[in-house]
Amino acid sequence: MTKLEQQKEWENRINQYRASSQSVKEWCAANDINPGRLWYWLRKFKANNDVSLIQPDQWLPVEVREYASMHNALLIRVGEACIQVKTGFDPALLTQVVRTLLTLC
C-alpha cells in the first residue's frame, strides 16, 4: 500500500470514527483497530491542521467581480467570511487564514 493509499484509508477511518460518536476505545474495539494507531493518525492530521483531510485536487469556486472602490485588491469569500487581499500581502498568512476558515465554514 502506498503512503497516499494509507493516508486515504486513515482519512476514511477517522471520518467514520468522528461520525460514530463513540469513544476511541469503543470504536477501535468495534472495528478491530489498535487505539494507539487511531491516536497516531488523529495527531498526525491535527499537526497538519487537517490539511490532509482536504483533497489536494479539490477546487473551490471563485467568482471574479470588478469593484470600482477596490483598486489593486482581491476579495475572497470562504463560506460567510470575506477577506480583502491587497498588494504586498503575506502569502503564508493568507494560506493559514483560508485553511482555518475552511475548517470552520
PDB file of N, CA and C in Angstrom:
ATOM      1  N   MET A   1       0.847  -1.178   0.000  1.00  0.00           N
ATOM      2  CA  MET A   1       0.000   0.000   0.000  1.00  0.00           C
ATOM      3  C   MET A   1       0.894   1.243   0.000  1.00  0.00           C
ATOM      4  N   THR A   2       0.613   2.177  -0.888  1.00  0.00           N
ATOM      5  CA  THR A   2       1.398   3.406  -0.956  1.00  0.00           C
ATOM      6  C   THR A   2       1.040   4.313   0.219  1.00  0.00           C
ATOM      7  N   LYS A   3       1.885   5.328   0.456  1.00  0.00           N
ATOM      8  CA  LYS A   3       1.606   6.287   1.535  1.00  0.00           C
ATOM      9  C   LYS A   3       0.291   7.004   1.304  1.00  0.00           C
ATOM     10  N   LEU A   4       0.043   7.378   0.059  1.00  0.00           N
ATOM     11  CA  LEU A   4      -1.202   8.082  -0.266  1.00  0.00           C
ATOM     12  C   LEU A   4      -2.415   7.193  -0.009  1.00  0.00           C
ATOM     13  N   GLU A   5      -2.318   5.922  -0.394  1.00  0.00           N
ATOM     14  CA  GLU A   5      -3.430   4.990  -0.149  1.00  0.00           C
ATOM     15  C   GLU A   5      -3.656   4.806   1.349  1.00  0.00           C
ATOM     16  N   GLN A   6      -2.558   4.683   2.095  1.00  0.00           N
ATOM     17  CA  GLN A   6      -2.669   4.523   3.546  1.00  0.00           C
ATOM     18  C   GLN A   6      -3.293   5.772   4.177  1.00  0.00           C
ATOM     19  N   GLN A   7      -2.874   6.935   3.707  1.00  0.00           N
ATOM     20  CA  GLN A   7      -3.423   8.183   4.233  1.00  0.00           C
ATOM     21  C   GLN A   7      -4.915   8.272   3.953  1.00  0.00           C
ATOM     22  N   LYS A   8      -5.328   7.941   2.740  1.00  0.00           N
ATOM     23  CA  LYS A   8      -6.752   7.984   2.391  1.00  0.00           C
ATOM     24  C   LYS A   8      -7.553   6.979   3.221  1.00  0.00           C
ATOM     25  N   GLU A   9      -6.976   5.810   3.452  1.00  0.00           N
ATOM     26  CA  GLU A   9      -7.649   4.804   4.277  1.00  0.00           C
ATOM     27  C   GLU A   9      -7.876   5.336   5.689  1.00  0.00           C
ATOM     28  N   TRP A  10      -6.849   5.995   6.249  1.00  0.00           N
ATOM     29  CA  TRP A  10      -6.998   6.544   7.594  1.00  0.00           C
ATOM     30  C   TRP A  10      -7.909   7.760   7.626  1.00  0.00           C
ATOM     31  N   GLU A  11      -7.941   8.526   6.563  1.00  0.00           N
ATOM     32  CA  GLU A  11      -8.906   9.628   6.484  1.00  0.00           C
ATOM     33  C   GLU A  11     -10.319   9.073   6.593  1.00  0.00           C
ATOM     34  N   ASN A  12     -10.584   7.992   5.854  1.00  0.00           N
ATOM     35  CA  ASN A  12     -11.906   7.354   5.908  1.00  0.00           C
ATOM     36  C   ASN A  12     -12.199   6.836   7.307  1.00  0.00           C
ATOM     37  N   ARG A  13     -11.218   6.183   7.920  1.00  0.00           N
ATOM     38  CA  ARG A  13     -11.421   5.651   9.276  1.00  0.00           C
ATOM     39  C   ARG A  13     -11.701   6.771  10.273  1.00  0.00           C
ATOM     40  N   ILE A  14     -10.947   7.859  10.167  1.00  0.00           N
ATOM     41  CA  ILE A  14     -11.151   8.974  11.090  1.00  0.00           C
ATOM     42  C   ILE A  14     -12.530   9.594  10.886  1.00  0.00           C
ATOM     43  N   ASN A  15     -12.950   9.730   9.649  1.00  0.00           N
ATOM     44  CA  ASN A  15     -14.297  10.248   9.382  1.00  0.00           C
ATOM     45  C   ASN A  15     -15.361   9.324   9.969  1.00  0.00           C
ATOM     46  N   GLN A  16     -15.171   8.017   9.842  1.00  0.00           N
ATOM     47  CA  GLN A  16     -16.113   7.055  10.414  1.00  0.00           C
ATOM     48  C   GLN A  16     -16.115   7.153  11.932  1.00  0.00           C
ATOM     49  N   TYR A  17     -14.922   7.259  12.523  1.00  0.00           N
ATOM     50  CA  TYR A  17     -14.820   7.383  13.979  1.00  0.00           C
ATOM     51  C   TYR A  17     -15.551   8.633  14.461  1.00  0.00           C
ATOM     52  N   ARG A  18     -15.278   9.766  13.814  1.00  0.00           N
ATOM     53  CA  ARG A  18     -15.906  11.029  14.234  1.00  0.00           C
ATOM     54  C   ARG A  18     -17.422  10.987  14.075  1.00  0.00           C
ATOM     55  N   ALA A  19     -17.904  10.326  13.039  1.00  0.00           N
ATOM     56  CA  ALA A  19     -19.346  10.237  12.805  1.00  0.00           C
ATOM     57  C   ALA A  19     -20.025   9.289  13.790  1.00  0.00           C
ATOM     58  N   SER A  20     -19.256   8.404  14.399  1.00  0.00           N
ATOM     59  CA  SER A  20     -19.840   7.372  15.258  1.00  0.00           C
ATOM     60  C   SER A  20     -20.272   7.872  16.630  1.00  0.00           C
ATOM     61  N   SER A  21     -19.697   8.947  17.115  1.00  0.00           N
ATOM     62  CA  SER A  21     -19.953   9.479  18.464  1.00  0.00           C
ATOM     63  C   SER A  21     -19.524   8.505  19.556  1.00  0.00           C
ATOM     64  N   GLN A  22     -18.677   7.542  19.193  1.00  0.00           N
ATOM     65  CA  GLN A  22     -18.161   6.598  20.177  1.00  0.00           C
ATOM     66  C   GLN A  22     -16.827   7.103  20.711  1.00  0.00           C
ATOM     67  N   SER A  23     -16.418   6.540  21.843  1.00  0.00           N
ATOM     68  CA  SER A  23     -15.087   6.840  22.356  1.00  0.00           C
ATOM     69  C   SER A  23     -14.065   6.108  21.482  1.00  0.00           C
ATOM     70  N   VAL A  24     -12.819   6.504  21.599  1.00  0.00           N
ATOM     71  CA  VAL A  24     -11.760   5.830  20.832  1.00  0.00           C
ATOM     72  C   VAL A  24     -11.751   4.349  21.175  1.00  0.00           C
ATOM     73  N   LYS A  25     -11.830   4.047  22.453  1.00  0.00           N
ATOM     74  CA  LYS A  25     -11.792   2.655  22.903  1.00  0.00           C
ATOM     75  C   LYS A  25     -12.948   1.848  22.317  1.00  0.00           C
ATOM     76  N   GLU A  26     -14.154   2.403  22.370  1.00  0.00           N
ATOM     77  CA  GLU A  26     -15.334   1.699  21.837  1.00  0.00           C
ATOM     78  C   GLU A  26     -15.230   1.494  20.331  1.00  0.00           C
ATOM     79  N   TRP A  27     -14.871   2.565  19.609  1.00  0.00           N
ATOM     80  CA  TRP A  27     -14.814   2.483  18.152  1.00  0.00           C
ATOM     81  C   TRP A  27     -13.736   1.506  17.708  1.00  0.00           C
ATOM     82  N   CYS A  28     -12.575   1.573  18.343  1.00  0.00           N
ATOM     83  CA  CYS A  28     -11.477   0.678  17.972  1.00  0.00           C
ATOM     84  C   CYS A  28     -11.831  -0.778  18.242  1.00  0.00           C
ATOM     85  N   ALA A  29     -12.499  -1.054  19.359  1.00  0.00           N
ATOM     86  CA  ALA A  29     -12.911  -2.428  19.662  1.00  0.00           C
ATOM     87  C   ALA A  29     -13.905  -2.930  18.624  1.00  0.00           C
ATOM     88  N   ALA A  30     -14.840  -2.081  18.224  1.00  0.00           N
ATOM     89  CA  ALA A  30     -15.860  -2.472  17.253  1.00  0.00           C
ATOM     90  C   ALA A  30     -15.276  -2.657  15.851  1.00  0.00           C
ATOM     91  N   ASN A  31     -14.149  -1.992  15.563  1.00  0.00           N
ATOM     92  CA  ASN A  31     -13.569  -2.029  14.216  1.00  0.00           C
ATOM     93  C   ASN A  31     -12.231  -2.761  14.151  1.00  0.00           C
ATOM     94  N   ASP A  32     -11.874  -3.424  15.248  1.00  0.00           N
ATOM     95  CA  ASP A  32     -10.635  -4.205  15.316  1.00  0.00           C
ATOM     96  C   ASP A  32      -9.418  -3.357  14.920  1.00  0.00           C
ATOM     97  N   ILE A  33      -9.342  -2.167  15.524  1.00  0.00           N
ATOM     98  CA  ILE A  33      -8.243  -1.236  15.273  1.00  0.00           C
ATOM     99  C   ILE A  33      -7.517  -1.006  16.594  1.00  0.00           C
ATOM    100  N   ASN A  34      -6.193  -0.952  16.538  1.00  0.00           N
ATOM    101  CA  ASN A  34      -5.399  -0.648  17.715  1.00  0.00           C
ATOM    102  C   ASN A  34      -5.621   0.820  18.076  1.00  0.00           C
ATOM    103  N   PRO A  35      -6.053   1.122  19.299  1.00  0.00           N
ATOM    104  CA  PRO A  35      -6.307   2.522  19.677  1.00  0.00           C
ATOM    105  C   PRO A  35      -5.081   3.418  19.502  1.00  0.00           C
ATOM    106  N   GLY A  36      -3.901   2.872  19.708  1.00  0.00           N
ATOM    107  CA  GLY A  36      -2.682   3.660  19.522  1.00  0.00           C
ATOM    108  C   GLY A  36      -2.514   4.137  18.090  1.00  0.00           C
ATOM    109  N   ARG A  37      -2.916   3.316  17.131  1.00  0.00           N
ATOM    110  CA  ARG A  37      -2.831   3.701  15.718  1.00  0.00           C
ATOM    111  C   ARG A  37      -3.814   4.839  15.414  1.00  0.00           C
ATOM    112  N   LEU A  38      -5.023   4.710  15.954  1.00  0.00           N
ATOM    113  CA  LEU A  38      -6.006   5.779  15.728  1.00  0.00           C
ATOM    114  C   LEU A  38      -5.509   7.086  16.324  1.00  0.00           C
ATOM    115  N   TRP A  39      -4.988   7.035  17.556  1.00  0.00           N
ATOM    116  CA  TRP A  39      -4.463   8.243  18.178  1.00  0.00           C
ATOM    117  C   TRP A  39      -3.318   8.817  17.349  1.00  0.00           C
ATOM    118  N   TYR A  40      -2.448   7.967  16.828  1.00  0.00           N
ATOM    119  CA  TYR A  40      -1.334   8.421  15.988  1.00  0.00           C
ATOM    120  C   TYR A  40      -1.850   9.231  14.797  1.00  0.00           C
ATOM    121  N   TRP A  41      -2.829   8.662  14.088  1.00  0.00           N
ATOM    122  CA  TRP A  41      -3.344   9.328  12.892  1.00  0.00           C
ATOM    123  C   TRP A  41      -4.141  10.580  13.236  1.00  0.00           C
ATOM    124  N   LEU A  42      -4.861  10.577  14.342  1.00  0.00           N
ATOM    125  CA  LEU A  42      -5.568  11.782  14.775  1.00  0.00           C
ATOM    126  C   LEU A  42      -4.570  12.916  15.038  1.00  0.00           C
ATOM    127  N   ARG A  43      -3.455  12.584  15.719  1.00  0.00           N
ATOM    128  CA  ARG A  43      -2.423  13.596  15.978  1.00  0.00           C
ATOM    129  C   ARG A  43      -1.763  14.044  14.682  1.00  0.00           C
ATOM    130  N   LYS A  44      -1.513  13.093  13.791  1.00  0.00           N
ATOM    131  CA  LYS A  44      -0.853  13.426  12.533  1.00  0.00           C
ATOM    132  C   LYS A  44      -1.688  14.418  11.721  1.00  0.00           C
ATOM    133  N   PHE A  45      -2.992  14.160  11.598  1.00  0.00           N
ATOM    134  CA  PHE A  45      -3.864  15.072  10.860  1.00  0.00           C
ATOM    135  C   PHE A  45      -3.995  16.402  11.585  1.00  0.00           C
ATOM    136  N   LYS A  46      -4.043  16.365  12.903  1.00  0.00           N
ATOM    137  CA  LYS A  46      -4.136  17.597  13.688  1.00  0.00           C
ATOM    138  C   LYS A  46      -2.878  18.440  13.487  1.00  0.00           C
ATOM    139  N   ALA A  47      -1.697  17.795  13.466  1.00  0.00           N
ATOM    140  CA  ALA A  47      -0.431  18.506  13.273  1.00  0.00           C
ATOM    141  C   ALA A  47      -0.369  19.171  11.901  1.00  0.00           C
ATOM    142  N   ASN A  48      -1.065  18.594  10.942  1.00  0.00           N
ATOM    143  CA  ASN A  48      -1.105  19.167   9.594  1.00  0.00           C
ATOM    144  C   ASN A  48      -2.260  20.144   9.443  1.00  0.00           C
ATOM    145  N   ASN A  49      -2.856  20.566  10.579  1.00  0.00           N
ATOM    146  CA  ASN A  49      -4.007  21.483  10.555  1.00  0.00           C
ATOM    147  C   ASN A  49      -5.128  20.953   9.687  1.00  0.00           C
ATOM    148  N   ASP A  50      -5.292  19.629   9.703  1.00  0.00           N
ATOM    149  CA  ASP A  50      -6.338  18.962   8.929  1.00  0.00           C
ATOM    150  C   ASP A  50      -6.212  19.204   7.431  1.00  0.00           C
ATOM    151  N   VAL A  51      -5.042  19.636   6.994  1.00  0.00           N
ATOM    152  CA  VAL A  51      -4.829  19.834   5.561  1.00  0.00           C
ATOM    153  C   VAL A  51      -4.977  18.508   4.840  1.00  0.00           C
ATOM    154  N   SER A  52      -4.570  17.425   5.492  1.00  0.00           N
ATOM    155  CA  SER A  52      -4.654  16.119   4.854  1.00  0.00           C
ATOM    156  C   SER A  52      -6.092  15.698   4.598  1.00  0.00           C
ATOM    157  N   LEU A  53      -7.026  16.271   5.339  1.00  0.00           N
ATOM    158  CA  LEU A  53      -8.418  15.913   5.131  1.00  0.00           C
ATOM    159  C   LEU A  53      -9.024  16.630   3.927  1.00  0.00           C
ATOM    160  N   ILE A  54      -8.288  17.582   3.372  1.00  0.00           N
ATOM    161  CA  ILE A  54      -8.725  18.279   2.174  1.00  0.00           C
ATOM    162  C   ILE A  54      -7.964  17.680   1.005  1.00  0.00           C
ATOM    163  N   GLN A  55      -8.676  17.213   0.014  1.00  0.00           N
ATOM    164  CA  GLN A  55      -8.034  16.595  -1.132  1.00  0.00           C
ATOM    165  C   GLN A  55      -7.175  17.617  -1.867  1.00  0.00           C
ATOM    166  N   PRO A  56      -5.942  17.228  -2.275  1.00  0.00           N
ATOM    167  CA  PRO A  56      -5.070  18.185  -2.942  1.00  0.00           C
ATOM    168  C   PRO A  56      -5.611  18.660  -4.286  1.00  0.00           C
ATOM    169  N   ASP A  57      -6.496  17.905  -4.903  1.00  0.00           N
ATOM    170  CA  ASP A  57      -7.041  18.303  -6.191  1.00  0.00           C
ATOM    171  C   ASP A  57      -8.428  18.921  -6.058  1.00  0.00           C
ATOM    172  N   GLN A  58      -8.792  19.271  -4.826  1.00  0.00           N
ATOM    173  CA  GLN A  58     -10.095  19.886  -4.585  1.00  0.00           C
ATOM    174  C   GLN A  58     -10.037  21.354  -4.974  1.00  0.00           C
ATOM    175  N   TRP A  59     -11.003  21.801  -5.746  1.00  0.00           N
ATOM    176  CA  TRP A  59     -11.066  23.192  -6.192  1.00  0.00           C
ATOM    177  C   TRP A  59     -12.214  23.887  -5.494  1.00  0.00           C
ATOM    178  N   LEU A  60     -12.012  25.131  -5.210  1.00  0.00           N
ATOM    179  CA  LEU A  60     -13.054  25.944  -4.615  1.00  0.00           C
ATOM    180  C   LEU A  60     -13.596  26.895  -5.668  1.00  0.00           C
ATOM    181  N   PRO A  61     -14.891  27.203  -5.620  1.00  0.00           N
ATOM    182  CA  PRO A  61     -15.444  28.133  -6.604  1.00  0.00           C
ATOM    183  C   PRO A  61     -14.881  29.540  -6.398  1.00  0.00           C
ATOM    184  N   VAL A  62     -14.604  30.195  -7.489  1.00  0.00           N
ATOM    185  CA  VAL A  62     -14.084  31.566  -7.457  1.00  0.00           C
ATOM    186  C   VAL A  62     -14.970  32.423  -8.332  1.00  0.00           C
ATOM    187  N   GLU A  63     -15.395  33.544  -7.790  1.00  0.00           N
ATOM    188  CA  GLU A  63     -16.196  34.492  -8.551  1.00  0.00           C
ATOM    189  C   GLU A  63     -15.419  35.795  -8.632  1.00  0.00           C
ATOM    190  N   VAL A  64     -15.159  36.250  -9.839  1.00  0.00           N
ATOM    191  CA  VAL A  64     -14.393  37.477 -10.041  1.00  0.00           C
ATOM    192  C   VAL A  64     -15.357  38.589 -10.420  1.00  0.00           C
ATOM    193  N   ARG A  65     -15.293  39.683  -9.670  1.00  0.00           N
ATOM    194  CA  ARG A  65     -16.132  40.845  -9.937  1.00  0.00           C
ATOM    195  C   ARG A  65     -15.251  42.078  -9.968  1.00  0.00           C
ATOM    196  N   GLU A  66     -15.699  43.075 -10.676  1.00  0.00           N
ATOM    197  CA  GLU A  66     -14.982  44.344 -10.690  1.00  0.00           C
ATOM    198  C   GLU A  66     -15.624  45.279  -9.676  1.00  0.00           C
ATOM    199  N   TYR A  67     -14.789  45.871  -8.866  1.00  0.00           N
ATOM    200  CA  TYR A  67     -15.259  46.823  -7.877  1.00  0.00           C
ATOM    201  C   TYR A  67     -14.521  48.138  -8.110  1.00  0.00           C
ATOM    202  N   ALA A  68     -15.270  49.190  -8.291  1.00  0.00           N
ATOM    203  CA  ALA A  68     -14.662  50.490  -8.558  1.00  0.00           C
ATOM    204  C   ALA A  68     -13.837  50.980  -7.369  1.00  0.00           C
ATOM    205  N   SER A  69     -14.256  50.637  -6.148  1.00  0.00           N
ATOM    206  CA  SER A  69     -13.569  51.155  -4.971  1.00  0.00           C
ATOM    207  C   SER A  69     -12.415  50.281  -4.510  1.00  0.00           C
ATOM    208  N   MET A  70     -12.175  49.170  -5.177  1.00  0.00           N
ATOM    209  CA  MET A  70     -11.136  48.249  -4.727  1.00  0.00           C
ATOM    210  C   MET A  70     -10.017  48.151  -5.762  1.00  0.00           C
ATOM    211  N   HIS A  71      -9.224  49.170  -5.885  1.00  0.00           N
ATOM    212  CA  HIS A  71      -8.103  49.142  -6.807  1.00  0.00           C
ATOM    213  C   HIS A  71      -6.987  48.292  -6.205  1.00  0.00           C
ATOM    214  N   ASN A  72      -6.393  47.435  -7.023  1.00  0.00           N
ATOM    215  CA  ASN A  72      -5.283  46.582  -6.596  1.00  0.00           C
ATOM    216  C   ASN A  72      -5.626  45.727  -5.383  1.00  0.00           C
ATOM    217  N   ALA A  73      -6.832  45.209  -5.331  1.00  0.00           N
ATOM    218  CA  ALA A  73      -7.237  44.354  -4.220  1.00  0.00           C
ATOM    219  C   ALA A  73      -8.042  43.182  -4.757  1.00  0.00           C
ATOM    220  N   LEU A  74      -8.023  42.099  -4.004  1.00  0.00           N
ATOM    221  CA  LEU A  74      -8.755  40.884  -4.343  1.00  0.00           C
ATOM    222  C   LEU A  74      -9.661  40.555  -3.164  1.00  0.00           C
ATOM    223  N   LEU A  75     -10.905  40.258  -3.421  1.00  0.00           N
ATOM    224  CA  LEU A  75     -11.859  39.911  -2.385  1.00  0.00           C
ATOM    225  C   LEU A  75     -12.093  38.407  -2.447  1.00  0.00           C
ATOM    226  N   ILE A  76     -11.857  37.705  -1.348  1.00  0.00           N
ATOM    227  CA  ILE A  76     -12.011  36.251  -1.281  1.00  0.00           C
ATOM    228  C   ILE A  76     -13.114  35.933  -0.281  1.00  0.00           C
ATOM    229  N   ARG A  77     -14.048  35.104  -0.718  1.00  0.00           N
ATOM    230  CA  ARG A  77     -15.120  34.661   0.179  1.00  0.00           C
ATOM    231  C   ARG A  77     -14.955  33.170   0.441  1.00  0.00           C
ATOM    232  N   VAL A  78     -14.926  32.809   1.732  1.00  0.00           N
ATOM    233  CA  VAL A  78     -14.886  31.418   2.162  1.00  0.00           C
ATOM    234  C   VAL A  78     -16.061  31.246   3.107  1.00  0.00           C
ATOM    235  N   GLY A  79     -17.106  30.575   2.634  1.00  0.00           N
ATOM    236  CA  GLY A  79     -18.325  30.479   3.425  1.00  0.00           C
ATOM    237  C   GLY A  79     -18.894  31.865   3.629  1.00  0.00           C
ATOM    238  N   GLU A  80     -19.142  32.231   4.874  1.00  0.00           N
ATOM    239  CA  GLU A  80     -19.685  33.553   5.195  1.00  0.00           C
ATOM    240  C   GLU A  80     -18.581  34.598   5.357  1.00  0.00           C
ATOM    241  N   ALA A  81     -17.331  34.151   5.426  1.00  0.00           N
ATOM    242  CA  ALA A  81     -16.214  35.072   5.645  1.00  0.00           C
ATOM    243  C   ALA A  81     -15.783  35.741   4.349  1.00  0.00           C
ATOM    244  N   CYS A  82     -15.284  36.951   4.473  1.00  0.00           N
ATOM    245  CA  CYS A  82     -14.819  37.715   3.331  1.00  0.00           C
ATOM    246  C   CYS A  82     -13.445  38.285   3.674  1.00  0.00           C
ATOM    247  N   ILE A  83     -12.468  38.065   2.780  1.00  0.00           N
ATOM    248  CA  ILE A  83     -11.101  38.523   3.006  1.00  0.00           C
ATOM    249  C   ILE A  83     -10.714  39.457   1.868  1.00  0.00           C
ATOM    250  N   GLN A  84     -10.204  40.620   2.203  1.00  0.00           N
ATOM    251  CA  GLN A  84      -9.713  41.551   1.194  1.00  0.00           C
ATOM    252  C   GLN A  84      -8.190  41.457   1.185  1.00  0.00           C
ATOM    253  N   VAL A  85      -7.627  41.111   0.030  1.00  0.00           N
ATOM    254  CA  VAL A  85      -6.184  40.943  -0.113  1.00  0.00           C
ATOM    255  C   VAL A  85      -5.651  42.076  -0.978  1.00  0.00           C
ATOM    256  N   LYS A  86      -4.672  42.794  -0.439  1.00  0.00           N
ATOM    257  CA  LYS A  86      -4.087  43.911  -1.169  1.00  0.00           C
ATOM    258  C   LYS A  86      -2.653  43.584  -1.572  1.00  0.00           C
ATOM    259  N   THR A  87      -2.114  44.365  -2.459  1.00  0.00           N
ATOM    260  CA  THR A  87      -0.741  44.207  -2.902  1.00  0.00           C
ATOM    261  C   THR A  87       0.186  44.191  -1.696  1.00  0.00           C
ATOM    262  N   GLY A  88       1.147  43.247  -1.698  1.00  0.00           N
ATOM    263  CA  GLY A  88       2.109  43.155  -0.607  1.00  0.00           C
ATOM    264  C   GLY A  88       1.666  42.255   0.531  1.00  0.00           C
ATOM    265  N   PHE A  89       0.591  41.474   0.339  1.00  0.00           N
ATOM    266  CA  PHE A  89       0.087  40.595   1.392  1.00  0.00           C
ATOM    267  C   PHE A  89       1.089  39.479   1.694  1.00  0.00           C
ATOM    268  N   ASP A  90       0.935  38.856   2.852  1.00  0.00           N
ATOM    269  CA  ASP A  90       1.784  37.741   3.274  1.00  0.00           C
ATOM    270  C   ASP A  90       1.110  36.441   2.826  1.00  0.00           C
ATOM    271  N   PRO A  91       1.637  35.746   1.817  1.00  0.00           N
ATOM    272  CA  PRO A  91       1.003  34.519   1.308  1.00  0.00           C
ATOM    273  C   PRO A  91       0.844  33.432   2.372  1.00  0.00           C
ATOM    274  N   ALA A  92       1.819  33.301   3.263  1.00  0.00           N
ATOM    275  CA  ALA A  92       1.733  32.278   4.307  1.00  0.00           C
ATOM    276  C   ALA A  92       0.571  32.570   5.251  1.00  0.00           C
ATOM    277  N   LEU A  93       0.405  33.826   5.616  1.00  0.00           N
ATOM    278  CA  LEU A  93      -0.701  34.209   6.495  1.00  0.00           C
ATOM    279  C   LEU A  93      -2.044  33.967   5.813  1.00  0.00           C
ATOM    280  N   LEU A  94      -2.157  34.338   4.545  1.00  0.00           N
ATOM    281  CA  LEU A  94      -3.399  34.107   3.806  1.00  0.00           C
ATOM    282  C   LEU A  94      -3.718  32.615   3.752  1.00  0.00           C
ATOM    283  N   THR A  95      -2.723  31.789   3.511  1.00  0.00           N
ATOM    284  CA  THR A  95      -2.916  30.336   3.470  1.00  0.00           C
ATOM    285  C   THR A  95      -3.456  29.833   4.798  1.00  0.00           C
ATOM    286  N   GLN A  96      -2.881  30.280   5.908  1.00  0.00           N
ATOM    287  CA  GLN A  96      -3.347  29.857   7.231  1.00  0.00           C
ATOM    288  C   GLN A  96      -4.777  30.304   7.493  1.00  0.00           C
ATOM    289  N   VAL A  97      -5.091  31.527   7.111  1.00  0.00           N
ATOM    290  CA  VAL A  97      -6.439  32.055   7.327  1.00  0.00           C
ATOM    291  C   VAL A  97      -7.462  31.251   6.521  1.00  0.00           C
ATOM    292  N   VAL A  98      -7.173  30.984   5.246  1.00  0.00           N
ATOM    293  CA  VAL A  98      -8.101  30.240   4.407  1.00  0.00           C
ATOM    294  C   VAL A  98      -8.281  28.825   4.936  1.00  0.00           C
ATOM    295  N   ARG A  99      -7.207  28.167   5.334  1.00  0.00           N
ATOM    296  CA  ARG A  99      -7.312  26.807   5.891  1.00  0.00           C
ATOM    297  C   ARG A  99      -8.175  26.787   7.142  1.00  0.00           C
ATOM    298  N   THR A 100      -7.982  27.774   8.001  1.00  0.00           N
ATOM    299  CA  THR A 100      -8.788  27.861   9.211  1.00  0.00           C
ATOM    300  C   THR A 100     -10.256  28.071   8.872  1.00  0.00           C
ATOM    301  N   LEU A 101     -10.527  28.959   7.934  1.00  0.00           N
ATOM    302  CA  LEU A 101     -11.920  29.209   7.542  1.00  0.00           C
ATOM    303  C   LEU A 101     -12.560  27.978   6.911  1.00  0.00           C
ATOM    304  N   LEU A 102     -11.805  27.212   6.149  1.00  0.00           N
ATOM    305  CA  LEU A 102     -12.342  26.003   5.538  1.00  0.00           C
ATOM    306  C   LEU A 102     -12.804  24.998   6.591  1.00  0.00           C
ATOM    307  N   THR A 103     -12.084  24.939   7.712  1.00  0.00           N
ATOM    308  CA  THR A 103     -12.489  24.007   8.758  1.00  0.00           C
ATOM    309  C   THR A 103     -13.686  24.522   9.540  1.00  0.00           C
ATOM    310  N   LEU A 104     -13.890  25.847   9.564  1.00  0.00           N
ATOM    311  CA  LEU A 104     -14.974  26.435  10.339  1.00  0.00           C
ATOM    312  C   LEU A 104     -16.252  26.661   9.532  1.00  0.00           C
ATOM    313  N   CYS A 105     -16.117  26.903   8.240  1.00  0.00           N
ATOM    314  CA  CYS A 105     -17.293  27.261   7.424  1.00  0.00           C
ATOM    315  C   CYS A 105     -17.858  26.048   6.719  1.00  0.00           C
TER     316      CYS A 105
END
